[in-house]
Amino acid sequence: MPFVDLEIRGTDIDLSIETDDETLELDVTEDETDLEGRGNPASLERDDNEVEYRSADIDVEWTSERLDIDRPVDVDVRNEEFEYRDQRLSFDWDADRREFEYTCRDA
């Protein structure tokens, strides 16, 4: 299992995933979406607020869309599924409660 660390501060989201061979870090702020991976050779594609990351151990598709910039939480996150070997990790964002729900199941 990878180590997953997720922090939400206002409109900023910091996500870090660590495995034995690599580290993935995703930062979403009001101004930009930044994703960085270290370790195994990986494919990283970015297009505005859409990020795709592929490697031997981690498969990430991340889409963020701005909602109302005056709201305390103005990021709506979808397609947040992480595949790690034989397991699928999912984060579900609940804007009303301002929290992520984490689930893990067999892929």
PDB file of N, CA and C in Angstrom:
ATOM      1  N   MET A   1       0.839  -1.194   0.000  1.00  0.00           N
ATOM      2  CA  MET A   1       0.000   0.000   0.000  1.00  0.00           C
ATOM      3  C   MET A   1       0.876   1.246   0.000  1.00  0.00           C
ATOM      4  N   PRO A   2       0.498   2.242  -0.759  1.00  0.00           N
ATOM      5  CA  PRO A   2       1.242   3.496  -0.718  1.00  0.00           C
ATOM      6  C   PRO A   2       0.860   4.302   0.516  1.00  0.00           C
ATOM      7  N   PHE A   3       1.732   5.227   0.875  1.00  0.00           N
ATOM      8  CA  PHE A   3       1.430   6.193   1.928  1.00  0.00           C
ATOM      9  C   PHE A   3       0.780   7.403   1.266  1.00  0.00           C
ATOM     10  N   VAL A   4      -0.389   7.806   1.748  1.00  0.00           N
ATOM     11  CA  VAL A   4      -1.119   8.927   1.163  1.00  0.00           C
ATOM     12  C   VAL A   4      -1.299  10.004   2.216  1.00  0.00           C
ATOM     13  N   ASP A   5      -0.923  11.239   1.869  1.00  0.00           N
ATOM     14  CA  ASP A   5      -1.095  12.375   2.770  1.00  0.00           C
ATOM     15  C   ASP A   5      -1.871  13.443   2.020  1.00  0.00           C
ATOM     16  N   LEU A   6      -2.979  13.897   2.583  1.00  0.00           N
ATOM     17  CA  LEU A   6      -3.834  14.883   1.930  1.00  0.00           C
ATOM     18  C   LEU A   6      -4.128  16.012   2.902  1.00  0.00           C
ATOM     19  N   GLU A   7      -3.878  17.263   2.476  1.00  0.00           N
ATOM     20  CA  GLU A   7      -4.176  18.423   3.300  1.00  0.00           C
ATOM     21  C   GLU A   7      -5.003  19.413   2.489  1.00  0.00           C
ATOM     22  N   ILE A   8      -6.021  19.989   3.128  1.00  0.00           N
ATOM     23  CA  ILE A   8      -6.837  21.017   2.493  1.00  0.00           C
ATOM     24  C   ILE A   8      -6.806  22.242   3.392  1.00  0.00           C
ATOM     25  N   ARG A   9      -6.382  23.376   2.830  1.00  0.00           N
ATOM     26  CA  ARG A   9      -6.344  24.633   3.564  1.00  0.00           C
ATOM     27  C   ARG A   9      -7.035  25.684   2.699  1.00  0.00           C
ATOM     28  N   GLY A  10      -8.287  25.977   3.033  1.00  0.00           N
ATOM     29  CA  GLY A  10      -9.027  26.944   2.224  1.00  0.00           C
ATOM     30  C   GLY A  10      -9.199  26.425   0.817  1.00  0.00           C
ATOM     31  N   THR A  11      -8.636  27.141  -0.154  1.00  0.00           N
ATOM     32  CA  THR A  11      -8.742  26.711  -1.547  1.00  0.00           C
ATOM     33  C   THR A  11      -7.537  25.898  -2.000  1.00  0.00           C
ATOM     34  N   ASP A  12      -6.569  25.663  -1.124  1.00  0.00           N
ATOM     35  CA  ASP A  12      -5.355  24.943  -1.488  1.00  0.00           C
ATOM     36  C   ASP A  12      -5.471  23.468  -1.128  1.00  0.00           C
ATOM     37  N   ILE A  13      -5.028  22.610  -2.038  1.00  0.00           N
ATOM     38  CA  ILE A  13      -5.024  21.173  -1.814  1.00  0.00           C
ATOM     39  C   ILE A  13      -3.606  20.669  -2.022  1.00  0.00           C
ATOM     40  N   ASP A  14      -3.081  19.936  -1.056  1.00  0.00           N
ATOM     41  CA  ASP A  14      -1.775  19.290  -1.165  1.00  0.00           C
ATOM     42  C   ASP A  14      -1.981  17.788  -1.023  1.00  0.00           C
ATOM     43  N   LEU A  15      -1.549  17.043  -2.027  1.00  0.00           N
ATOM     44  CA  LEU A  15      -1.673  15.595  -2.011  1.00  0.00           C
ATOM     45  C   LEU A  15      -0.301  14.986  -2.261  1.00  0.00           C
ATOM     46  N   SER A  16       0.090  14.035  -1.433  1.00  0.00           N
ATOM     47  CA  SER A  16       1.371  13.354  -1.594  1.00  0.00           C
ATOM     48  C   SER A  16       1.139  11.852  -1.510  1.00  0.00           C
ATOM     49  N   ILE A  17       1.707  11.113  -2.468  1.00  0.00           N
ATOM     50  CA  ILE A  17       1.635   9.654  -2.464  1.00  0.00           C
ATOM     51  C   ILE A  17       3.056   9.119  -2.542  1.00  0.00           C
ATOM     52  N   GLU A  18       3.406   8.246  -1.610  1.00  0.00           N
ATOM     53  CA  GLU A  18       4.737   7.661  -1.600  1.00  0.00           C
ATOM     54  C   GLU A  18       4.629   6.145  -1.679  1.00  0.00           C
ATOM     55  N   THR A  19       5.412   5.555  -2.572  1.00  0.00           N
ATOM     56  CA  THR A  19       5.542   4.099  -2.636  1.00  0.00           C
ATOM     57  C   THR A  19       7.002   3.764  -2.360  1.00  0.00           C
ATOM     58  N   ASP A  20       7.341   2.502  -2.459  1.00  0.00           N
ATOM     59  CA  ASP A  20       8.730   2.109  -2.238  1.00  0.00           C
ATOM     60  C   ASP A  20       9.661   2.728  -3.274  1.00  0.00           C
ATOM     61  N   ASP A  21       9.159   2.967  -4.482  1.00  0.00           N
ATOM     62  CA  ASP A  21      10.015   3.390  -5.580  1.00  0.00           C
ATOM     63  C   ASP A  21       9.834   4.827  -6.040  1.00  0.00           C
ATOM     64  N   GLU A  22       8.762   5.489  -5.616  1.00  0.00           N
ATOM     65  CA  GLU A  22       8.530   6.822  -6.148  1.00  0.00           C
ATOM     66  C   GLU A  22       7.670   7.676  -5.229  1.00  0.00           C
ATOM     67  N   THR A  23       7.659   8.969  -5.547  1.00  0.00           N
ATOM     68  CA  THR A  23       6.857   9.943  -4.814  1.00  0.00           C
ATOM     69  C   THR A  23       6.099  10.800  -5.803  1.00  0.00           C
ATOM     70  N   LEU A  24       4.837  11.038  -5.517  1.00  0.00           N
ATOM     71  CA  LEU A  24       3.993  11.887  -6.345  1.00  0.00           C
ATOM     72  C   LEU A  24       3.464  13.015  -5.474  1.00  0.00           C
ATOM     73  N   GLU A  25       3.590  14.257  -5.940  1.00  0.00           N
ATOM     74  CA  GLU A  25       3.086  15.404  -5.192  1.00  0.00           C
ATOM     75  C   GLU A  25       2.217  16.264  -6.094  1.00  0.00           C
ATOM     76  N   LEU A  26       1.013  16.570  -5.618  1.00  0.00           N
ATOM     77  CA  LEU A  26       0.062  17.402  -6.353  1.00  0.00           C
ATOM     78  C   LEU A  26      -0.294  18.598  -5.493  1.00  0.00           C
ATOM     79  N   ASP A  27      -0.138  19.807  -6.036  1.00  0.00           N
ATOM     80  CA  ASP A  27      -0.500  21.036  -5.336  1.00  0.00           C
ATOM     81  C   ASP A  27      -1.496  21.811  -6.179  1.00  0.00           C
ATOM     82  N   VAL A  28      -2.660  22.102  -5.613  1.00  0.00           N
ATOM     83  CA  VAL A  28      -3.669  22.910  -6.276  1.00  0.00           C
ATOM     84  C   VAL A  28      -3.840  24.189  -5.471  1.00  0.00           C
ATOM     85  N   THR A  29      -3.574  25.326  -6.114  1.00  0.00           N
ATOM     86  CA  THR A  29      -3.772  26.617  -5.464  1.00  0.00           C
ATOM     87  C   THR A  29      -4.727  27.444  -6.313  1.00  0.00           C
ATOM     88  N   GLU A  30      -5.002  28.650  -5.850  1.00  0.00           N
ATOM     89  CA  GLU A  30      -5.906  29.528  -6.588  1.00  0.00           C
ATOM     90  C   GLU A  30      -5.360  29.846  -7.970  1.00  0.00           C
ATOM     91  N   ASP A  31      -4.027  29.860  -8.112  1.00  0.00           N
ATOM     92  CA  ASP A  31      -3.410  30.286  -9.365  1.00  0.00           C
ATOM     93  C   ASP A  31      -3.007  29.148 -10.297  1.00  0.00           C
ATOM     94  N   GLU A  32      -2.727  27.948  -9.757  1.00  0.00           N
ATOM     95  CA  GLU A  32      -2.209  26.910 -10.637  1.00  0.00           C
ATOM     96  C   GLU A  32      -2.410  25.508 -10.058  1.00  0.00           C
ATOM     97  N   THR A  33      -2.291  24.532 -10.937  1.00  0.00           N
ATOM     98  CA  THR A  33      -2.264  23.122 -10.555  1.00  0.00           C
ATOM     99  C   THR A  33      -0.886  22.591 -10.925  1.00  0.00           C
ATOM    100  N   ASP A  34      -0.158  22.065  -9.941  1.00  0.00           N
ATOM    101  CA  ASP A  34       1.200  21.614 -10.173  1.00  0.00           C
ATOM    102  C   ASP A  34       1.342  20.177  -9.685  1.00  0.00           C
ATOM    103  N   LEU A  35       1.892  19.319 -10.539  1.00  0.00           N
ATOM    104  CA  LEU A  35       2.110  17.929 -10.167  1.00  0.00           C
ATOM    105  C   LEU A  35       3.546  17.557 -10.477  1.00  0.00           C
ATOM    106  N   GLU A  36       4.181  16.872  -9.535  1.00  0.00           N
ATOM    107  CA  GLU A  36       5.579  16.478  -9.709  1.00  0.00           C
ATOM    108  C   GLU A  36       5.749  15.029  -9.280  1.00  0.00           C
ATOM    109  N   GLY A  37       6.457  14.266 -10.065  1.00  0.00           N
ATOM    110  CA  GLY A  37       6.713  12.875  -9.727  1.00  0.00           C
ATOM    111  C   GLY A  37       8.198  12.584  -9.735  1.00  0.00           C
ATOM    112  N   ARG A  38       8.649  11.733  -8.793  1.00  0.00           N
ATOM    113  CA  ARG A  38      10.050  11.342  -8.720  1.00  0.00           C
ATOM    114  C   ARG A  38      10.136   9.832  -8.584  1.00  0.00           C
ATOM    115  N   GLY A  39      11.091   9.236  -9.259  1.00  0.00           N
ATOM    116  CA  GLY A  39      11.291   7.796  -9.120  1.00  0.00           C
ATOM    117  C   GLY A  39      11.201   7.097 -10.453  1.00  0.00           C
ATOM    118  N   ASN A  40      10.300   6.122 -10.536  1.00  0.00           N
ATOM    119  CA  ASN A  40      10.140   5.350 -11.771  1.00  0.00           C
ATOM    120  C   ASN A  40       9.860   6.250 -12.960  1.00  0.00           C
ATOM    121  N   PRO A  41      10.310   5.878 -14.163  1.00  0.00           N
ATOM    122  CA  PRO A  41       9.971   6.678 -15.347  1.00  0.00           C
ATOM    123  C   PRO A  41       8.462   6.847 -15.447  1.00  0.00           C
ATOM    124  N   ALA A  42       8.025   8.069 -15.734  1.00  0.00           N
ATOM    125  CA  ALA A  42       6.600   8.370 -15.720  1.00  0.00           C
ATOM    126  C   ALA A  42       6.229   9.249 -16.894  1.00  0.00           C
ATOM    127  N   SER A  43       4.953   9.239 -17.218  1.00  0.00           N
ATOM    128  CA  SER A  43       4.384  10.125 -18.222  1.00  0.00           C
ATOM    129  C   SER A  43       3.545  11.165 -17.506  1.00  0.00           C
ATOM    130  N   LEU A  44       3.787  12.429 -17.798  1.00  0.00           N
ATOM    131  CA  LEU A  44       3.062  13.513 -17.148  1.00  0.00           C
ATOM    132  C   LEU A  44       2.522  14.460 -18.213  1.00  0.00           C
ATOM    133  N   GLU A  45       1.207  14.651 -18.228  1.00  0.00           N
ATOM    134  CA  GLU A  45       0.569  15.547 -19.186  1.00  0.00           C
ATOM    135  C   GLU A  45      -0.264  16.572 -18.431  1.00  0.00           C
ATOM    136  N   ARG A  46      -0.179  17.842 -18.884  1.00  0.00           N
ATOM    137  CA  ARG A  46      -0.951  18.896 -18.248  1.00  0.00           C
ATOM    138  C   ARG A  46      -1.680  19.703 -19.308  1.00  0.00           C
ATOM    139  N   ASP A  47      -2.907  20.090 -18.980  1.00  0.00           N
ATOM    140  CA  ASP A  47      -3.689  20.943 -19.865  1.00  0.00           C
ATOM    141  C   ASP A  47      -4.623  21.768 -18.993  1.00  0.00           C
ATOM    142  N   ASP A  48      -4.285  23.027 -18.786  1.00  0.00           N
ATOM    143  CA  ASP A  48      -5.040  23.899 -17.880  1.00  0.00           C
ATOM    144  C   ASP A  48      -5.134  23.243 -16.505  1.00  0.00           C
ATOM    145  N   ASN A  49      -6.358  22.910 -16.064  1.00  0.00           N
ATOM    146  CA  ASN A  49      -6.527  22.316 -14.738  1.00  0.00           C
ATOM    147  C   ASN A  49      -6.625  20.797 -14.779  1.00  0.00           C
ATOM    148  N   GLU A  50      -6.189  20.200 -15.865  1.00  0.00           N
ATOM    149  CA  GLU A  50      -6.281  18.752 -15.998  1.00  0.00           C
ATOM    150  C   GLU A  50      -4.877  18.154 -15.996  1.00  0.00           C
ATOM    151  N   VAL A  51      -4.683  17.132 -15.185  1.00  0.00           N
ATOM    152  CA  VAL A  51      -3.364  16.513 -15.054  1.00  0.00           C
ATOM    153  C   VAL A  51      -3.509  15.000 -15.172  1.00  0.00           C
ATOM    154  N   GLU A  52      -2.630  14.387 -15.960  1.00  0.00           N
ATOM    155  CA  GLU A  52      -2.566  12.932 -16.029  1.00  0.00           C
ATOM    156  C   GLU A  52      -1.137  12.499 -15.724  1.00  0.00           C
ATOM    157  N   TYR A  53      -1.006  11.501 -14.876  1.00  0.00           N
ATOM    158  CA  TYR A  53       0.308  11.008 -14.462  1.00  0.00           C
ATOM    159  C   TYR A  53       0.308   9.488 -14.554  1.00  0.00           C
ATOM    160  N   ARG A  54       1.279   8.934 -15.247  1.00  0.00           N
ATOM    161  CA  ARG A  54       1.362   7.485 -15.416  1.00  0.00           C
ATOM    162  C   ARG A  54       2.777   7.013 -15.065  1.00  0.00           C
ATOM    163  N   SER A  55       2.850   5.953 -14.279  1.00  0.00           N
ATOM    164  CA  SER A  55       4.143   5.348 -13.984  1.00  0.00           C
ATOM    165  C   SER A  55       3.922   3.860 -13.738  1.00  0.00           C
ATOM    166  N   ALA A  56       4.972   3.175 -13.348  1.00  0.00           N
ATOM    167  CA  ALA A  56       4.853   1.741 -13.113  1.00  0.00           C
ATOM    168  C   ALA A  56       3.916   1.423 -11.952  1.00  0.00           C
ATOM    169  N   ASP A  57       3.909   2.260 -10.922  1.00  0.00           N
ATOM    170  CA  ASP A  57       3.134   1.974  -9.714  1.00  0.00           C
ATOM    171  C   ASP A  57       1.901   2.850  -9.533  1.00  0.00           C
ATOM    172  N   ILE A  58       1.861   4.019 -10.145  1.00  0.00           N
ATOM    173  CA  ILE A  58       0.788   4.975  -9.878  1.00  0.00           C
ATOM    174  C   ILE A  58       0.156   5.434 -11.188  1.00  0.00           C
ATOM    175  N   ASP A  59      -1.161   5.484 -11.199  1.00  0.00           N
ATOM    176  CA  ASP A  59      -1.922   5.949 -12.356  1.00  0.00           C
ATOM    177  C   ASP A  59      -2.911   6.993 -11.851  1.00  0.00           C
ATOM    178  N   VAL A  60      -2.724   8.257 -12.231  1.00  0.00           N
ATOM    179  CA  VAL A  60      -3.527   9.343 -11.681  1.00  0.00           C
ATOM    180  C   VAL A  60      -4.128  10.175 -12.805  1.00  0.00           C
ATOM    181  N   GLU A  61      -5.418  10.451 -12.694  1.00  0.00           N
ATOM    182  CA  GLU A  61      -6.069  11.459 -13.520  1.00  0.00           C
ATOM    183  C   GLU A  61      -6.723  12.447 -12.572  1.00  0.00           C
ATOM    184  N   TRP A  62      -6.395  13.703 -12.709  1.00  0.00           N
ATOM    185  CA  TRP A  62      -6.873  14.724 -11.773  1.00  0.00           C
ATOM    186  C   TRP A  62      -7.454  15.880 -12.572  1.00  0.00           C
ATOM    187  N   THR A  63      -8.717  16.204 -12.324  1.00  0.00           N
ATOM    188  CA  THR A  63      -9.361  17.329 -12.992  1.00  0.00           C
ATOM    189  C   THR A  63      -9.891  18.277 -11.937  1.00  0.00           C
ATOM    190  N   SER A  64      -9.520  19.527 -12.015  1.00  0.00           N
ATOM    191  CA  SER A  64     -10.045  20.509 -11.065  1.00  0.00           C
ATOM    192  C   SER A  64     -10.674  21.650 -11.841  1.00  0.00           C
ATOM    193  N   GLU A  65     -11.756  22.140 -11.310  1.00  0.00           N
ATOM    194  CA  GLU A  65     -12.493  23.202 -11.985  1.00  0.00           C
ATOM    195  C   GLU A  65     -12.829  24.292 -10.975  1.00  0.00           C
ATOM    196  N   ARG A  66     -12.551  25.511 -11.329  1.00  0.00           N
ATOM    197  CA  ARG A  66     -12.884  26.627 -10.453  1.00  0.00           C
ATOM    198  C   ARG A  66     -14.396  26.802 -10.402  1.00  0.00           C
ATOM    199  N   LEU A  67     -14.907  27.075  -9.227  1.00  0.00           N
ATOM    200  CA  LEU A  67     -16.325  27.377  -9.091  1.00  0.00           C
ATOM    201  C   LEU A  67     -16.459  28.862  -8.814  1.00  0.00           C
ATOM    202  N   ASP A  68     -16.786  29.230  -7.595  1.00  0.00           N
ATOM    203  CA  ASP A  68     -16.946  30.637  -7.241  1.00  0.00           C
ATOM    204  C   ASP A  68     -15.753  31.057  -6.409  1.00  0.00           C
ATOM    205  N   ILE A  69     -14.977  31.995  -6.902  1.00  0.00           N
ATOM    206  CA  ILE A  69     -13.712  32.336  -6.240  1.00  0.00           C
ATOM    207  C   ILE A  69     -13.925  32.980  -4.877  1.00  0.00           C
ATOM    208  N   ASP A  70     -15.132  33.463  -4.610  1.00  0.00           N
ATOM    209  CA  ASP A  70     -15.402  34.095  -3.319  1.00  0.00           C
ATOM    210  C   ASP A  70     -15.765  33.092  -2.230  1.00  0.00           C
ATOM    211  N   ARG A  71     -16.024  31.848  -2.625  1.00  0.00           N
ATOM    212  CA  ARG A  71     -16.378  30.837  -1.635  1.00  0.00           C
ATOM    213  C   ARG A  71     -15.135  30.344  -0.906  1.00  0.00           C
ATOM    214  N   PRO A  72     -15.290  29.890   0.356  1.00  0.00           N
ATOM    215  CA  PRO A  72     -14.128  29.383   1.097  1.00  0.00           C
ATOM    216  C   PRO A  72     -13.464  28.204   0.396  1.00  0.00           C
ATOM    217  N   VAL A  73     -14.235  27.327  -0.211  1.00  0.00           N
ATOM    218  CA  VAL A  73     -13.687  26.211  -0.972  1.00  0.00           C
ATOM    219  C   VAL A  73     -14.182  26.354  -2.396  1.00  0.00           C
ATOM    220  N   ASP A  74     -13.276  26.633  -3.339  1.00  0.00           N
ATOM    221  CA  ASP A  74     -13.710  26.932  -4.698  1.00  0.00           C
ATOM    222  C   ASP A  74     -13.153  25.947  -5.716  1.00  0.00           C
ATOM    223  N   VAL A  75     -12.776  24.752  -5.257  1.00  0.00           N
ATOM    224  CA  VAL A  75     -12.245  23.757  -6.171  1.00  0.00           C
ATOM    225  C   VAL A  75     -13.146  22.523  -6.139  1.00  0.00           C
ATOM    226  N   ASP A  76     -13.603  22.122  -7.298  1.00  0.00           N
ATOM    227  CA  ASP A  76     -14.397  20.899  -7.418  1.00  0.00           C
ATOM    228  C   ASP A  76     -13.519  19.847  -8.076  1.00  0.00           C
ATOM    229  N   VAL A  77     -13.276  18.761  -7.394  1.00  0.00           N
ATOM    230  CA  VAL A  77     -12.343  17.754  -7.873  1.00  0.00           C
ATOM    231  C   VAL A  77     -13.107  16.498  -8.274  1.00  0.00           C
ATOM    232  N   ARG A  78     -12.821  16.015  -9.484  1.00  0.00           N
ATOM    233  CA  ARG A  78     -13.464  14.802  -9.981  1.00  0.00           C
ATOM    234  C   ARG A  78     -12.391  13.850 -10.517  1.00  0.00           C
ATOM    235  N   ASN A  79     -12.792  12.623 -10.788  1.00  0.00           N
ATOM    236  CA  ASN A  79     -11.909  11.608 -11.379  1.00  0.00           C
ATOM    237  C   ASN A  79     -10.675  11.359 -10.523  1.00  0.00           C
ATOM    238  N   GLU A  80     -10.846  11.337  -9.218  1.00  0.00           N
ATOM    239  CA  GLU A  80      -9.696  11.179  -8.357  1.00  0.00           C
ATOM    240  C   GLU A  80      -9.547   9.730  -7.924  1.00  0.00           C
ATOM    241  N   GLU A  81      -9.090   8.908  -8.883  1.00  0.00           N
ATOM    242  CA  GLU A  81      -8.849   7.495  -8.618  1.00  0.00           C
ATOM    243  C   GLU A  81      -7.372   7.187  -8.815  1.00  0.00           C
ATOM    244  N   PHE A  82      -6.820   6.423  -7.908  1.00  0.00           N
ATOM    245  CA  PHE A  82      -5.408   6.071  -7.967  1.00  0.00           C
ATOM    246  C   PHE A  82      -5.297   4.556  -8.015  1.00  0.00           C
ATOM    247  N   GLU A  83      -4.640   4.032  -9.025  1.00  0.00           N
ATOM    248  CA  GLU A  83      -4.440   2.597  -9.111  1.00  0.00           C
ATOM    249  C   GLU A  83      -3.021   2.262  -8.650  1.00  0.00           C
ATOM    250  N   TYR A  84      -2.929   1.369  -7.686  1.00  0.00           N
ATOM    251  CA  TYR A  84      -1.632   0.942  -7.175  1.00  0.00           C
ATOM    252  C   TYR A  84      -1.580  -0.580  -7.183  1.00  0.00           C
ATOM    253  N   ARG A  85      -0.850  -1.118  -8.151  1.00  0.00           N
ATOM    254  CA  ARG A  85      -0.752  -2.561  -8.321  1.00  0.00           C
ATOM    255  C   ARG A  85      -2.135  -3.174  -8.407  1.00  0.00           C
ATOM    256  N   ASP A  86      -2.589  -3.967  -7.459  1.00  0.00           N
ATOM    257  CA  ASP A  86      -3.881  -4.643  -7.582  1.00  0.00           C
ATOM    258  C   ASP A  86      -5.003  -3.915  -6.848  1.00  0.00           C
ATOM    259  N   GLN A  87      -4.766  -2.686  -6.418  1.00  0.00           N
ATOM    260  CA  GLN A  87      -5.788  -1.982  -5.648  1.00  0.00           C
ATOM    261  C   GLN A  87      -6.105  -0.635  -6.276  1.00  0.00           C
ATOM    262  N   ARG A  88      -7.331  -0.183  -6.073  1.00  0.00           N
ATOM    263  CA  ARG A  88      -7.770   1.109  -6.584  1.00  0.00           C
ATOM    264  C   ARG A  88      -8.124   2.001  -5.389  1.00  0.00           C
ATOM    265  N   LEU A  89      -7.494   3.161  -5.324  1.00  0.00           N
ATOM    266  CA  LEU A  89      -7.743   4.117  -4.248  1.00  0.00           C
ATOM    267  C   LEU A  89      -8.604   5.248  -4.800  1.00  0.00           C
ATOM    268  N   SER A  90      -9.608   5.648  -4.057  1.00  0.00           N
ATOM    269  CA  SER A  90     -10.505   6.694  -4.532  1.00  0.00           C
ATOM    270  C   SER A  90     -10.654   7.785  -3.477  1.00  0.00           C
ATOM    271  N   PHE A  91     -10.662   9.032  -3.926  1.00  0.00           N
ATOM    272  CA  PHE A  91     -10.958  10.171  -3.068  1.00  0.00           C
ATOM    273  C   PHE A  91     -12.223  10.835  -3.595  1.00  0.00           C
ATOM    274  N   ASP A  92     -13.220  10.961  -2.771  1.00  0.00           N
ATOM    275  CA  ASP A  92     -14.463  11.623  -3.145  1.00  0.00           C
ATOM    276  C   ASP A  92     -14.567  12.942  -2.388  1.00  0.00           C
ATOM    277  N   TRP A  93     -14.726  14.024  -3.118  1.00  0.00           N
ATOM    278  CA  TRP A  93     -14.769  15.363  -2.535  1.00  0.00           C
ATOM    279  C   TRP A  93     -16.199  15.749  -2.235  1.00  0.00           C
ATOM    280  N   ASP A  94     -16.467  16.160  -1.004  1.00  0.00           N
ATOM    281  CA  ASP A  94     -17.780  16.637  -0.586  1.00  0.00           C
ATOM    282  C   ASP A  94     -17.653  18.123  -0.293  1.00  0.00           C
ATOM    283  N   ALA A  95     -18.142  18.959  -1.207  1.00  0.00           N
ATOM    284  CA  ALA A  95     -17.971  20.406  -1.075  1.00  0.00           C
ATOM    285  C   ALA A  95     -18.731  20.962   0.123  1.00  0.00           C
ATOM    286  N   ASP A  96     -19.876  20.377   0.444  1.00  0.00           N
ATOM    287  CA  ASP A  96     -20.661  20.879   1.573  1.00  0.00           C
ATOM    288  C   ASP A  96     -19.940  20.657   2.897  1.00  0.00           C
ATOM    289  N   ARG A  97     -19.344  19.472   3.056  1.00  0.00           N
ATOM    290  CA  ARG A  97     -18.640  19.178   4.307  1.00  0.00           C
ATOM    291  C   ARG A  97     -17.165  19.533   4.227  1.00  0.00           C
ATOM    292  N   ARG A  98     -16.693  19.921   3.031  1.00  0.00           N
ATOM    293  CA  ARG A  98     -15.295  20.294   2.813  1.00  0.00           C
ATOM    294  C   ARG A  98     -14.345  19.179   3.232  1.00  0.00           C
ATOM    295  N   GLU A  99     -14.593  17.975   2.718  1.00  0.00           N
ATOM    296  CA  GLU A  99     -13.717  16.876   3.084  1.00  0.00           C
ATOM    297  C   GLU A  99     -13.653  15.851   1.968  1.00  0.00           C
ATOM    298  N   PHE A 100     -12.600  15.063   1.992  1.00  0.00           N
ATOM    299  CA  PHE A 100     -12.434  13.954   1.070  1.00  0.00           C
ATOM    300  C   PHE A 100     -12.788  12.663   1.792  1.00  0.00           C
ATOM    301  N   GLU A 101     -13.395  11.760   1.084  1.00  0.00           N
ATOM    302  CA  GLU A 101     -13.616  10.413   1.598  1.00  0.00           C
ATOM    303  C   GLU A 101     -12.680   9.470   0.855  1.00  0.00           C
ATOM    304  N   TYR A 102     -11.960   8.659   1.599  1.00  0.00           N
ATOM    305  CA  TYR A 102     -10.950   7.785   1.026  1.00  0.00           C
ATOM    306  C   TYR A 102     -11.450   6.342   1.060  1.00  0.00           C
ATOM    307  N   THR A 103     -11.411   5.664  -0.069  1.00  0.00           N
ATOM    308  CA  THR A 103     -11.784   4.252  -0.117  1.00  0.00           C
ATOM    309  C   THR A 103     -10.718   3.473  -0.871  1.00  0.00           C
ATOM    310  N   CYS A 104     -10.594   2.209  -0.556  1.00  0.00           N
ATOM    311  CA  CYS A 104      -9.630   1.339  -1.222  1.00  0.00           C
ATOM    312  C   CYS A 104     -10.317   0.025  -1.538  1.00  0.00           C
ATOM    313  N   ARG A 105     -10.170  -0.452  -2.778  1.00  0.00           N
ATOM    314  CA  ARG A 105     -10.778  -1.719  -3.167  1.00  0.00           C
ATOM    315  C   ARG A 105      -9.888  -2.383  -4.210  1.00  0.00           C
ATOM    316  N   ASP A 106     -10.152  -3.641  -4.463  1.00  0.00           N
ATOM    317  CA  ASP A 106      -9.399  -4.366  -5.480  1.00  0.00           C
ATOM    318  C   ASP A 106      -9.701  -3.789  -6.854  1.00  0.00           C
ATOM    319  N   ALA A 107      -8.691  -3.673  -7.686  1.00  0.00           N
ATOM    320  CA  ALA A 107      -8.868  -3.101  -9.027  1.00  0.00           C
ATOM    321  C   ALA A 107      -9.613  -4.066  -9.924  1.00  0.00           C
TER     322      ALA A 107
END
